[in-house]
Amino acid sequence: MAAYAIFQLAMWGAQGNSVTDIYGVVIDVNGASPGIIDINAPAGNSTYGIVVGSGTHSISPLINALAAPITNGSGAGQLLYQAMTFPAGVTVSGNVTSFSFSRTFVNSSGGTVTVTEIGIIAYVSGFGMINTNTNAPVSSDYFLLAYDVPSSPINVPNGSSLQITYTFSVST
């Protein structure tokens, strides 16, 4: 979860910082180098964008991946990941500027799928990334930017769907 803040600091400060990817590897990123942070995942892709899982972690800034990701598919325990959507663009209301994005998950598994964790994973490329274990350049990687645990498990019955929406806002 610290990945979001680390990337922001690296970019805004045009400096290098270390961040752990979803595989547990520490990557050095250089905010002075050009790069892309993408969460706009297409349908069928459960690697990045808003993602869901069936496990849980104790909330900590050190979380770098979902405990038990639910993959895309129609088999037991799977959900069909729809494309990410960015429905309204940026809105301004008084001194608050915000934007939202969503993803819908469809259950065609034949049984109920229970969601107990939700995250935002970014596909990142550029930023002069270096694997700290091997000192090798990394052209692209995946990082957990947000991790949430619903107040109670979300049961998605077969034939139903679940829509998750995140809203980011800044007050001035």
N, C-alpha and C. Protein backbone atom coordinates (compact mmCIF):
# COMPACT_ATOMS: atom_id res chain seq x y z
N MET A 1 0.82 -1.19 0.00
CA MET A 1 0.00 0.00 0.00
C MET A 1 0.86 1.25 0.00
N ALA A 2 2.06 1.15 0.47
CA ALA A 2 2.94 2.31 0.48
C ALA A 2 3.38 2.67 -0.94
N ALA A 3 3.15 1.77 -1.90
CA ALA A 3 3.62 2.01 -3.27
C ALA A 3 3.08 3.31 -3.85
N TYR A 4 1.82 3.63 -3.60
CA TYR A 4 1.24 4.85 -4.15
C TYR A 4 2.01 6.07 -3.67
N ALA A 5 2.23 6.17 -2.38
CA ALA A 5 2.95 7.32 -1.81
C ALA A 5 4.39 7.35 -2.30
N ILE A 6 5.03 6.20 -2.41
CA ILE A 6 6.42 6.15 -2.87
C ILE A 6 6.53 6.64 -4.31
N PHE A 7 5.61 6.20 -5.18
CA PHE A 7 5.62 6.66 -6.57
C PHE A 7 5.36 8.17 -6.64
N GLN A 8 4.40 8.67 -5.87
CA GLN A 8 4.12 10.11 -5.88
C GLN A 8 5.34 10.91 -5.44
N LEU A 9 5.98 10.50 -4.35
CA LEU A 9 7.17 11.20 -3.87
C LEU A 9 8.28 11.15 -4.91
N ALA A 10 8.50 10.00 -5.53
CA ALA A 10 9.55 9.89 -6.56
C ALA A 10 9.28 10.82 -7.73
N MET A 11 8.02 10.87 -8.19
CA MET A 11 7.69 11.73 -9.33
C MET A 11 7.74 13.20 -8.95
N TRP A 12 7.09 13.57 -7.86
CA TRP A 12 7.02 14.98 -7.48
C TRP A 12 8.39 15.52 -7.08
N GLY A 13 9.23 14.68 -6.50
CA GLY A 13 10.56 15.11 -6.09
C GLY A 13 11.63 14.83 -7.13
N ALA A 14 11.23 14.22 -8.27
CA ALA A 14 12.18 13.84 -9.32
C ALA A 14 13.39 13.13 -8.68
N GLN A 15 13.08 12.12 -7.89
CA GLN A 15 14.11 11.41 -7.13
C GLN A 15 13.90 9.91 -7.20
N GLY A 16 14.87 9.16 -6.70
CA GLY A 16 14.77 7.72 -6.65
C GLY A 16 14.21 7.24 -5.32
N ASN A 17 13.43 6.18 -5.37
CA ASN A 17 12.90 5.54 -4.17
C ASN A 17 12.76 4.05 -4.45
N SER A 18 12.71 3.25 -3.39
CA SER A 18 12.52 1.81 -3.53
C SER A 18 11.09 1.44 -3.17
N VAL A 19 10.51 0.51 -3.93
CA VAL A 19 9.15 0.06 -3.70
C VAL A 19 9.08 -1.44 -3.99
N THR A 20 8.25 -2.16 -3.25
CA THR A 20 8.13 -3.61 -3.42
C THR A 20 6.99 -3.91 -4.39
N ASP A 21 7.27 -4.74 -5.41
CA ASP A 21 6.24 -5.11 -6.39
C ASP A 21 5.34 -6.20 -5.83
N ILE A 22 4.35 -6.64 -6.62
CA ILE A 22 3.38 -7.64 -6.14
C ILE A 22 4.01 -9.02 -5.96
N TYR A 23 5.23 -9.20 -6.44
CA TYR A 23 5.93 -10.48 -6.31
C TYR A 23 6.89 -10.49 -5.13
N GLY A 24 6.97 -9.36 -4.39
CA GLY A 24 7.85 -9.27 -3.23
C GLY A 24 9.26 -8.82 -3.56
N VAL A 25 9.50 -8.36 -4.78
CA VAL A 25 10.83 -7.91 -5.20
C VAL A 25 10.92 -6.39 -5.01
N VAL A 26 12.02 -5.94 -4.41
CA VAL A 26 12.23 -4.51 -4.22
C VAL A 26 12.79 -3.92 -5.51
N ILE A 27 12.11 -2.88 -5.99
CA ILE A 27 12.47 -2.22 -7.25
C ILE A 27 12.81 -0.76 -6.94
N ASP A 28 13.94 -0.29 -7.47
CA ASP A 28 14.26 1.13 -7.38
C ASP A 28 13.60 1.83 -8.55
N VAL A 29 12.88 2.93 -8.27
CA VAL A 29 12.24 3.73 -9.32
C VAL A 29 12.87 5.12 -9.31
N ASN A 30 13.00 5.69 -10.49
CA ASN A 30 13.58 7.02 -10.63
C ASN A 30 12.51 7.97 -11.14
N GLY A 31 12.00 8.80 -10.26
CA GLY A 31 10.94 9.72 -10.61
C GLY A 31 11.35 10.79 -11.61
N ALA A 32 12.67 10.97 -11.84
CA ALA A 32 13.13 11.95 -12.83
C ALA A 32 13.10 11.36 -14.24
N SER A 33 12.90 10.05 -14.36
CA SER A 33 12.80 9.39 -15.67
C SER A 33 11.35 9.29 -16.08
N PRO A 34 11.06 9.35 -17.38
CA PRO A 34 9.65 9.24 -17.81
C PRO A 34 9.11 7.84 -17.54
N GLY A 35 7.81 7.78 -17.31
CA GLY A 35 7.18 6.49 -17.07
C GLY A 35 5.67 6.58 -17.13
N ILE A 36 5.04 5.42 -17.02
CA ILE A 36 3.59 5.31 -17.09
C ILE A 36 3.11 4.49 -15.90
N ILE A 37 2.04 4.96 -15.25
CA ILE A 37 1.36 4.21 -14.20
C ILE A 37 -0.06 4.00 -14.71
N ASP A 38 -0.42 2.76 -15.04
CA ASP A 38 -1.67 2.45 -15.74
C ASP A 38 -2.53 1.50 -14.91
N ILE A 39 -3.79 1.88 -14.68
CA ILE A 39 -4.75 0.97 -14.03
C ILE A 39 -5.91 0.65 -14.96
N ASN A 40 -5.86 1.12 -16.20
CA ASN A 40 -6.98 0.99 -17.14
C ASN A 40 -6.97 -0.39 -17.81
N ALA A 41 -7.19 -1.42 -17.01
CA ALA A 41 -7.12 -2.81 -17.49
C ALA A 41 -8.32 -3.14 -18.37
N PRO A 42 -8.09 -3.93 -19.42
CA PRO A 42 -9.19 -4.36 -20.28
C PRO A 42 -9.98 -5.52 -19.66
N ALA A 43 -11.10 -5.84 -20.24
CA ALA A 43 -11.89 -6.99 -19.80
C ALA A 43 -11.04 -8.25 -19.88
N GLY A 44 -11.23 -9.13 -18.91
CA GLY A 44 -10.53 -10.41 -18.91
C GLY A 44 -9.16 -10.37 -18.25
N ASN A 45 -8.70 -9.20 -17.85
CA ASN A 45 -7.37 -9.07 -17.26
C ASN A 45 -7.50 -8.88 -15.75
N SER A 46 -7.04 -9.87 -14.99
CA SER A 46 -7.11 -9.79 -13.52
C SER A 46 -5.75 -9.48 -12.91
N THR A 47 -4.80 -9.04 -13.74
CA THR A 47 -3.47 -8.73 -13.26
C THR A 47 -3.38 -7.34 -12.69
N TYR A 48 -4.14 -6.39 -13.27
CA TYR A 48 -4.07 -5.01 -12.79
C TYR A 48 -5.42 -4.33 -12.92
N GLY A 49 -5.49 -3.07 -12.43
CA GLY A 49 -6.76 -2.37 -12.31
C GLY A 49 -7.33 -2.65 -10.93
N ILE A 50 -8.63 -2.46 -10.78
CA ILE A 50 -9.27 -2.88 -9.53
C ILE A 50 -9.32 -4.40 -9.55
N VAL A 51 -8.85 -5.01 -8.47
CA VAL A 51 -8.80 -6.47 -8.36
C VAL A 51 -9.45 -6.89 -7.05
N VAL A 52 -9.91 -8.13 -6.99
CA VAL A 52 -10.55 -8.64 -5.78
C VAL A 52 -9.91 -9.96 -5.37
N GLY A 53 -10.09 -10.29 -4.08
CA GLY A 53 -9.52 -11.52 -3.57
C GLY A 53 -10.40 -12.14 -2.51
N SER A 54 -10.02 -13.36 -2.12
CA SER A 54 -10.80 -14.11 -1.13
C SER A 54 -10.02 -14.34 0.16
N GLY A 55 -8.91 -13.64 0.35
CA GLY A 55 -8.13 -13.75 1.58
C GLY A 55 -8.17 -12.42 2.31
N THR A 56 -7.32 -12.27 3.31
CA THR A 56 -7.19 -10.98 4.00
C THR A 56 -5.79 -10.85 4.58
N HIS A 57 -5.35 -9.63 4.68
CA HIS A 57 -4.13 -9.26 5.40
C HIS A 57 -4.56 -8.37 6.55
N SER A 58 -3.75 -8.32 7.58
CA SER A 58 -3.92 -7.26 8.57
C SER A 58 -3.48 -5.98 7.87
N ILE A 59 -4.24 -4.91 8.01
CA ILE A 59 -3.92 -3.67 7.32
C ILE A 59 -2.55 -3.17 7.78
N SER A 60 -1.68 -2.93 6.81
CA SER A 60 -0.32 -2.48 7.06
C SER A 60 0.21 -1.81 5.81
N PRO A 61 1.05 -0.79 5.95
CA PRO A 61 1.62 -0.17 4.75
C PRO A 61 2.58 -1.10 4.01
N LEU A 62 2.93 -2.24 4.62
CA LEU A 62 3.87 -3.16 3.99
C LEU A 62 3.21 -4.16 3.06
N ILE A 63 1.89 -4.15 2.93
CA ILE A 63 1.20 -5.07 2.04
C ILE A 63 1.56 -4.73 0.61
N ASN A 64 2.00 -5.72 -0.16
CA ASN A 64 2.36 -5.47 -1.55
C ASN A 64 1.55 -6.31 -2.54
N ALA A 65 0.64 -7.16 -2.06
CA ALA A 65 -0.18 -7.98 -2.94
C ALA A 65 -1.41 -8.46 -2.20
N LEU A 66 -2.44 -8.86 -2.94
CA LEU A 66 -3.61 -9.47 -2.31
C LEU A 66 -3.20 -10.81 -1.71
N ALA A 67 -3.85 -11.21 -0.62
CA ALA A 67 -3.54 -12.47 0.04
C ALA A 67 -3.95 -13.66 -0.83
N ALA A 68 -5.12 -13.58 -1.47
CA ALA A 68 -5.64 -14.68 -2.29
C ALA A 68 -6.42 -14.09 -3.47
N PRO A 69 -5.72 -13.66 -4.52
CA PRO A 69 -6.41 -13.04 -5.66
C PRO A 69 -7.44 -13.98 -6.30
N ILE A 70 -8.57 -13.40 -6.67
CA ILE A 70 -9.57 -14.13 -7.46
C ILE A 70 -9.24 -13.84 -8.92
N THR A 71 -9.01 -14.89 -9.69
CA THR A 71 -8.61 -14.71 -11.09
C THR A 71 -9.82 -14.60 -12.01
N ASN A 72 -9.55 -14.12 -13.22
CA ASN A 72 -10.58 -14.00 -14.24
C ASN A 72 -10.96 -15.37 -14.77
N GLY A 73 -12.25 -15.63 -14.89
CA GLY A 73 -12.70 -16.88 -15.48
C GLY A 73 -14.09 -17.24 -15.01
N SER A 74 -14.58 -18.37 -15.50
CA SER A 74 -15.92 -18.83 -15.12
C SER A 74 -15.86 -20.16 -14.37
N GLY A 75 -14.67 -20.53 -13.91
CA GLY A 75 -14.52 -21.74 -13.11
C GLY A 75 -14.84 -21.47 -11.65
N ALA A 76 -14.81 -22.53 -10.86
CA ALA A 76 -15.11 -22.41 -9.43
C ALA A 76 -14.20 -21.37 -8.78
N GLY A 77 -14.80 -20.45 -8.03
CA GLY A 77 -14.05 -19.43 -7.31
C GLY A 77 -13.52 -18.29 -8.16
N GLN A 78 -13.91 -18.25 -9.43
CA GLN A 78 -13.45 -17.18 -10.33
C GLN A 78 -14.57 -16.19 -10.63
N LEU A 79 -14.17 -15.00 -11.09
CA LEU A 79 -15.10 -13.98 -11.55
C LEU A 79 -14.64 -13.48 -12.92
N LEU A 80 -15.58 -13.05 -13.73
CA LEU A 80 -15.24 -12.46 -15.01
C LEU A 80 -14.98 -10.97 -14.80
N TYR A 81 -13.73 -10.56 -15.03
CA TYR A 81 -13.32 -9.17 -14.86
C TYR A 81 -13.73 -8.38 -16.09
N GLN A 82 -14.54 -7.34 -15.90
CA GLN A 82 -14.93 -6.46 -16.98
C GLN A 82 -13.88 -5.35 -17.11
N ALA A 83 -13.95 -4.58 -18.19
CA ALA A 83 -12.98 -3.50 -18.40
C ALA A 83 -13.15 -2.42 -17.33
N MET A 84 -12.06 -1.79 -16.96
CA MET A 84 -12.10 -0.63 -16.08
C MET A 84 -12.87 0.48 -16.78
N THR A 85 -13.60 1.28 -16.00
CA THR A 85 -14.30 2.43 -16.58
C THR A 85 -13.98 3.68 -15.77
N PHE A 86 -13.92 4.78 -16.47
CA PHE A 86 -13.67 6.10 -15.87
C PHE A 86 -14.82 6.98 -16.30
N PRO A 87 -15.98 6.86 -15.62
CA PRO A 87 -17.24 7.38 -16.15
C PRO A 87 -17.39 8.90 -16.24
N ALA A 88 -16.87 9.67 -15.32
CA ALA A 88 -17.26 11.09 -15.29
C ALA A 88 -16.12 12.06 -15.55
N GLY A 89 -14.91 11.60 -15.63
CA GLY A 89 -13.80 12.53 -15.71
C GLY A 89 -13.63 13.24 -14.39
N VAL A 90 -12.96 14.37 -14.41
CA VAL A 90 -12.72 15.15 -13.20
C VAL A 90 -13.91 16.06 -12.94
N THR A 91 -14.35 16.10 -11.68
CA THR A 91 -15.44 17.00 -11.30
C THR A 91 -14.94 17.96 -10.22
N VAL A 92 -15.48 19.17 -10.25
CA VAL A 92 -15.13 20.18 -9.25
C VAL A 92 -16.42 20.63 -8.59
N SER A 93 -16.44 20.57 -7.27
CA SER A 93 -17.60 21.03 -6.50
C SER A 93 -17.07 21.84 -5.33
N GLY A 94 -17.22 23.14 -5.42
CA GLY A 94 -16.67 24.00 -4.37
C GLY A 94 -15.16 23.89 -4.36
N ASN A 95 -14.62 23.51 -3.21
CA ASN A 95 -13.17 23.37 -3.10
C ASN A 95 -12.70 21.92 -3.21
N VAL A 96 -13.56 21.03 -3.71
CA VAL A 96 -13.21 19.62 -3.84
C VAL A 96 -13.15 19.24 -5.32
N THR A 97 -12.01 18.69 -5.73
CA THR A 97 -11.82 18.16 -7.07
C THR A 97 -11.71 16.65 -6.94
N SER A 98 -12.45 15.91 -7.76
CA SER A 98 -12.46 14.45 -7.62
C SER A 98 -12.63 13.75 -8.96
N PHE A 99 -12.33 12.47 -8.94
CA PHE A 99 -12.62 11.60 -10.08
C PHE A 99 -12.86 10.19 -9.54
N SER A 100 -13.62 9.42 -10.30
CA SER A 100 -13.95 8.04 -9.91
C SER A 100 -13.59 7.08 -11.02
N PHE A 101 -13.40 5.84 -10.65
CA PHE A 101 -13.25 4.77 -11.63
C PHE A 101 -13.84 3.50 -11.03
N SER A 102 -14.28 2.60 -11.91
CA SER A 102 -15.02 1.42 -11.46
C SER A 102 -14.58 0.18 -12.24
N ARG A 103 -14.95 -0.95 -11.69
CA ARG A 103 -14.82 -2.22 -12.40
C ARG A 103 -15.94 -3.13 -11.93
N THR A 104 -16.50 -3.85 -12.88
CA THR A 104 -17.57 -4.81 -12.58
C THR A 104 -17.02 -6.22 -12.70
N PHE A 105 -17.46 -7.08 -11.81
CA PHE A 105 -17.06 -8.49 -11.76
C PHE A 105 -18.33 -9.32 -11.89
N VAL A 106 -18.37 -10.24 -12.84
CA VAL A 106 -19.55 -11.06 -13.10
C VAL A 106 -19.26 -12.49 -12.66
N ASN A 107 -20.21 -13.08 -11.93
CA ASN A 107 -20.05 -14.45 -11.46
C ASN A 107 -20.79 -15.41 -12.39
N SER A 108 -20.01 -16.20 -13.13
CA SER A 108 -20.55 -17.28 -13.97
C SER A 108 -19.93 -18.60 -13.56
N SER A 109 -19.56 -18.71 -12.28
CA SER A 109 -18.81 -19.88 -11.79
C SER A 109 -19.68 -21.08 -11.44
N GLY A 110 -20.98 -20.85 -11.30
CA GLY A 110 -21.85 -21.93 -10.88
C GLY A 110 -22.10 -21.96 -9.38
N GLY A 111 -21.40 -21.14 -8.63
CA GLY A 111 -21.58 -21.07 -7.17
C GLY A 111 -21.32 -19.65 -6.70
N THR A 112 -21.51 -19.44 -5.42
CA THR A 112 -21.24 -18.12 -4.84
C THR A 112 -19.74 -17.91 -4.68
N VAL A 113 -19.28 -16.70 -5.03
CA VAL A 113 -17.88 -16.32 -4.82
C VAL A 113 -17.88 -15.21 -3.77
N THR A 114 -17.03 -15.37 -2.76
CA THR A 114 -16.97 -14.41 -1.67
C THR A 114 -15.73 -13.54 -1.79
N VAL A 115 -15.95 -12.23 -1.80
CA VAL A 115 -14.87 -11.24 -1.90
C VAL A 115 -14.59 -10.69 -0.50
N THR A 116 -13.33 -10.80 -0.05
CA THR A 116 -12.96 -10.32 1.28
C THR A 116 -11.83 -9.29 1.24
N GLU A 117 -11.30 -9.01 0.05
CA GLU A 117 -10.25 -8.01 -0.10
C GLU A 117 -10.35 -7.38 -1.49
N ILE A 118 -10.00 -6.10 -1.56
CA ILE A 118 -10.09 -5.33 -2.79
C ILE A 118 -8.82 -4.51 -2.91
N GLY A 119 -8.29 -4.42 -4.12
CA GLY A 119 -7.08 -3.63 -4.30
C GLY A 119 -7.06 -2.92 -5.63
N ILE A 120 -6.11 -2.03 -5.76
CA ILE A 120 -5.80 -1.38 -7.04
C ILE A 120 -4.36 -1.73 -7.35
N ILE A 121 -4.16 -2.44 -8.45
CA ILE A 121 -2.81 -2.78 -8.90
C ILE A 121 -2.53 -1.99 -10.17
N ALA A 122 -1.35 -1.36 -10.21
CA ALA A 122 -0.94 -0.58 -11.38
C ALA A 122 0.09 -1.35 -12.20
N TYR A 123 -0.05 -1.24 -13.51
CA TYR A 123 0.99 -1.68 -14.45
C TYR A 123 1.89 -0.46 -14.63
N VAL A 124 3.16 -0.62 -14.31
CA VAL A 124 4.11 0.50 -14.36
C VAL A 124 5.22 0.16 -15.35
N SER A 125 5.52 1.13 -16.22
CA SER A 125 6.66 0.98 -17.13
C SER A 125 7.46 2.27 -17.13
N GLY A 126 8.73 2.14 -17.46
CA GLY A 126 9.62 3.31 -17.47
C GLY A 126 10.16 3.59 -16.08
N PHE A 127 10.37 4.85 -15.77
CA PHE A 127 10.89 5.32 -14.48
C PHE A 127 12.29 4.77 -14.17
N GLY A 128 13.01 4.30 -15.19
CA GLY A 128 14.36 3.81 -14.96
C GLY A 128 14.42 2.76 -13.86
N MET A 129 13.44 1.85 -13.83
CA MET A 129 13.35 0.87 -12.73
C MET A 129 14.50 -0.14 -12.77
N ILE A 130 14.99 -0.46 -11.58
CA ILE A 130 16.09 -1.42 -11.41
C ILE A 130 15.70 -2.43 -10.32
N ASN A 131 15.88 -3.73 -10.60
CA ASN A 131 15.68 -4.79 -9.61
C ASN A 131 16.85 -4.72 -8.62
N THR A 132 16.56 -4.48 -7.34
CA THR A 132 17.64 -4.32 -6.36
C THR A 132 18.37 -5.62 -6.06
N ASN A 133 17.76 -6.77 -6.36
CA ASN A 133 18.43 -8.05 -6.12
C ASN A 133 19.48 -8.36 -7.19
N THR A 134 19.18 -7.97 -8.43
CA THR A 134 20.04 -8.34 -9.56
C THR A 134 20.73 -7.15 -10.21
N ASN A 135 20.31 -5.93 -9.85
CA ASN A 135 20.78 -4.70 -10.49
C ASN A 135 20.44 -4.65 -11.98
N ALA A 136 19.48 -5.47 -12.39
CA ALA A 136 19.06 -5.50 -13.79
C ALA A 136 17.94 -4.49 -14.03
N PRO A 137 17.93 -3.86 -15.21
CA PRO A 137 16.82 -2.97 -15.55
C PRO A 137 15.50 -3.74 -15.60
N VAL A 138 14.42 -3.06 -15.22
CA VAL A 138 13.07 -3.63 -15.26
C VAL A 138 12.24 -2.73 -16.17
N SER A 139 11.77 -3.29 -17.29
CA SER A 139 11.02 -2.45 -18.24
C SER A 139 9.59 -2.20 -17.78
N SER A 140 8.97 -3.18 -17.09
CA SER A 140 7.62 -2.99 -16.58
C SER A 140 7.41 -3.93 -15.39
N ASP A 141 6.41 -3.56 -14.57
CA ASP A 141 6.15 -4.35 -13.37
C ASP A 141 4.76 -3.98 -12.84
N TYR A 142 4.32 -4.66 -11.78
CA TYR A 142 3.01 -4.43 -11.17
C TYR A 142 3.18 -4.09 -9.70
N PHE A 143 2.42 -3.06 -9.25
CA PHE A 143 2.53 -2.59 -7.87
C PHE A 143 1.13 -2.37 -7.29
N LEU A 144 0.94 -2.79 -6.03
CA LEU A 144 -0.32 -2.58 -5.32
C LEU A 144 -0.35 -1.15 -4.80
N LEU A 145 -1.32 -0.36 -5.28
CA LEU A 145 -1.43 1.04 -4.87
C LEU A 145 -2.42 1.24 -3.73
N ALA A 146 -3.40 0.36 -3.61
CA ALA A 146 -4.40 0.47 -2.55
C ALA A 146 -4.86 -0.92 -2.15
N TYR A 147 -5.20 -1.08 -0.88
CA TYR A 147 -5.69 -2.36 -0.36
C TYR A 147 -6.79 -2.07 0.65
N ASP A 148 -7.95 -2.67 0.45
CA ASP A 148 -9.08 -2.46 1.34
C ASP A 148 -9.73 -3.79 1.71
N VAL A 149 -10.24 -3.82 2.92
CA VAL A 149 -10.99 -4.98 3.40
C VAL A 149 -12.41 -4.50 3.68
N PRO A 150 -13.42 -5.07 2.99
CA PRO A 150 -14.80 -4.64 3.26
C PRO A 150 -15.17 -4.93 4.72
N SER A 151 -16.13 -4.16 5.24
CA SER A 151 -16.54 -4.34 6.63
C SER A 151 -17.12 -5.72 6.89
N SER A 152 -17.67 -6.34 5.85
CA SER A 152 -18.11 -7.74 5.92
C SER A 152 -17.87 -8.36 4.55
N PRO A 153 -17.70 -9.68 4.50
CA PRO A 153 -17.49 -10.34 3.20
C PRO A 153 -18.62 -10.03 2.23
N ILE A 154 -18.28 -9.92 0.95
CA ILE A 154 -19.27 -9.65 -0.09
C ILE A 154 -19.50 -10.94 -0.86
N ASN A 155 -20.71 -11.50 -0.72
CA ASN A 155 -21.07 -12.72 -1.44
C ASN A 155 -21.66 -12.34 -2.79
N VAL A 156 -21.07 -12.90 -3.86
CA VAL A 156 -21.55 -12.66 -5.22
C VAL A 156 -22.15 -13.97 -5.72
N PRO A 157 -23.50 -14.11 -5.70
CA PRO A 157 -24.13 -15.34 -6.15
C PRO A 157 -23.90 -15.58 -7.64
N ASN A 158 -23.96 -16.84 -8.04
CA ASN A 158 -23.86 -17.17 -9.45
C ASN A 158 -24.90 -16.38 -10.25
N GLY A 159 -24.48 -15.82 -11.38
CA GLY A 159 -25.38 -15.04 -12.22
C GLY A 159 -25.49 -13.58 -11.82
N SER A 160 -24.83 -13.19 -10.74
CA SER A 160 -24.87 -11.80 -10.27
C SER A 160 -23.55 -11.11 -10.59
N SER A 161 -23.54 -9.80 -10.35
CA SER A 161 -22.31 -9.04 -10.57
C SER A 161 -22.05 -8.14 -9.37
N LEU A 162 -20.81 -7.70 -9.27
CA LEU A 162 -20.36 -6.80 -8.22
C LEU A 162 -19.63 -5.66 -8.90
N GLN A 163 -20.00 -4.42 -8.56
CA GLN A 163 -19.28 -3.26 -9.08
C GLN A 163 -18.55 -2.58 -7.93
N ILE A 164 -17.25 -2.35 -8.11
CA ILE A 164 -16.43 -1.65 -7.13
C ILE A 164 -16.06 -0.30 -7.74
N THR A 165 -16.26 0.77 -6.97
CA THR A 165 -15.93 2.12 -7.41
C THR A 165 -15.01 2.77 -6.39
N TYR A 166 -13.94 3.36 -6.86
CA TYR A 166 -13.05 4.17 -6.04
C TYR A 166 -13.22 5.62 -6.46
N THR A 167 -13.24 6.53 -5.48
CA THR A 167 -13.29 7.96 -5.76
C THR A 167 -12.10 8.62 -5.05
N PHE A 168 -11.31 9.34 -5.81
CA PHE A 168 -10.19 10.11 -5.26
C PHE A 168 -10.60 11.57 -5.26
N SER A 169 -10.34 12.26 -4.16
CA SER A 169 -10.69 13.67 -4.08
C SER A 169 -9.60 14.45 -3.37
N VAL A 170 -9.49 15.72 -3.75
CA VAL A 170 -8.54 16.64 -3.15
C VAL A 170 -9.30 17.89 -2.75
N SER A 171 -9.14 18.31 -1.51
CA SER A 171 -9.77 19.55 -1.03
C SER A 171 -8.71 20.65 -0.99
N THR A 172 -9.12 21.84 -1.41
CA THR A 172 -8.17 22.96 -1.37
C THR A 172 -8.66 24.03 -0.43
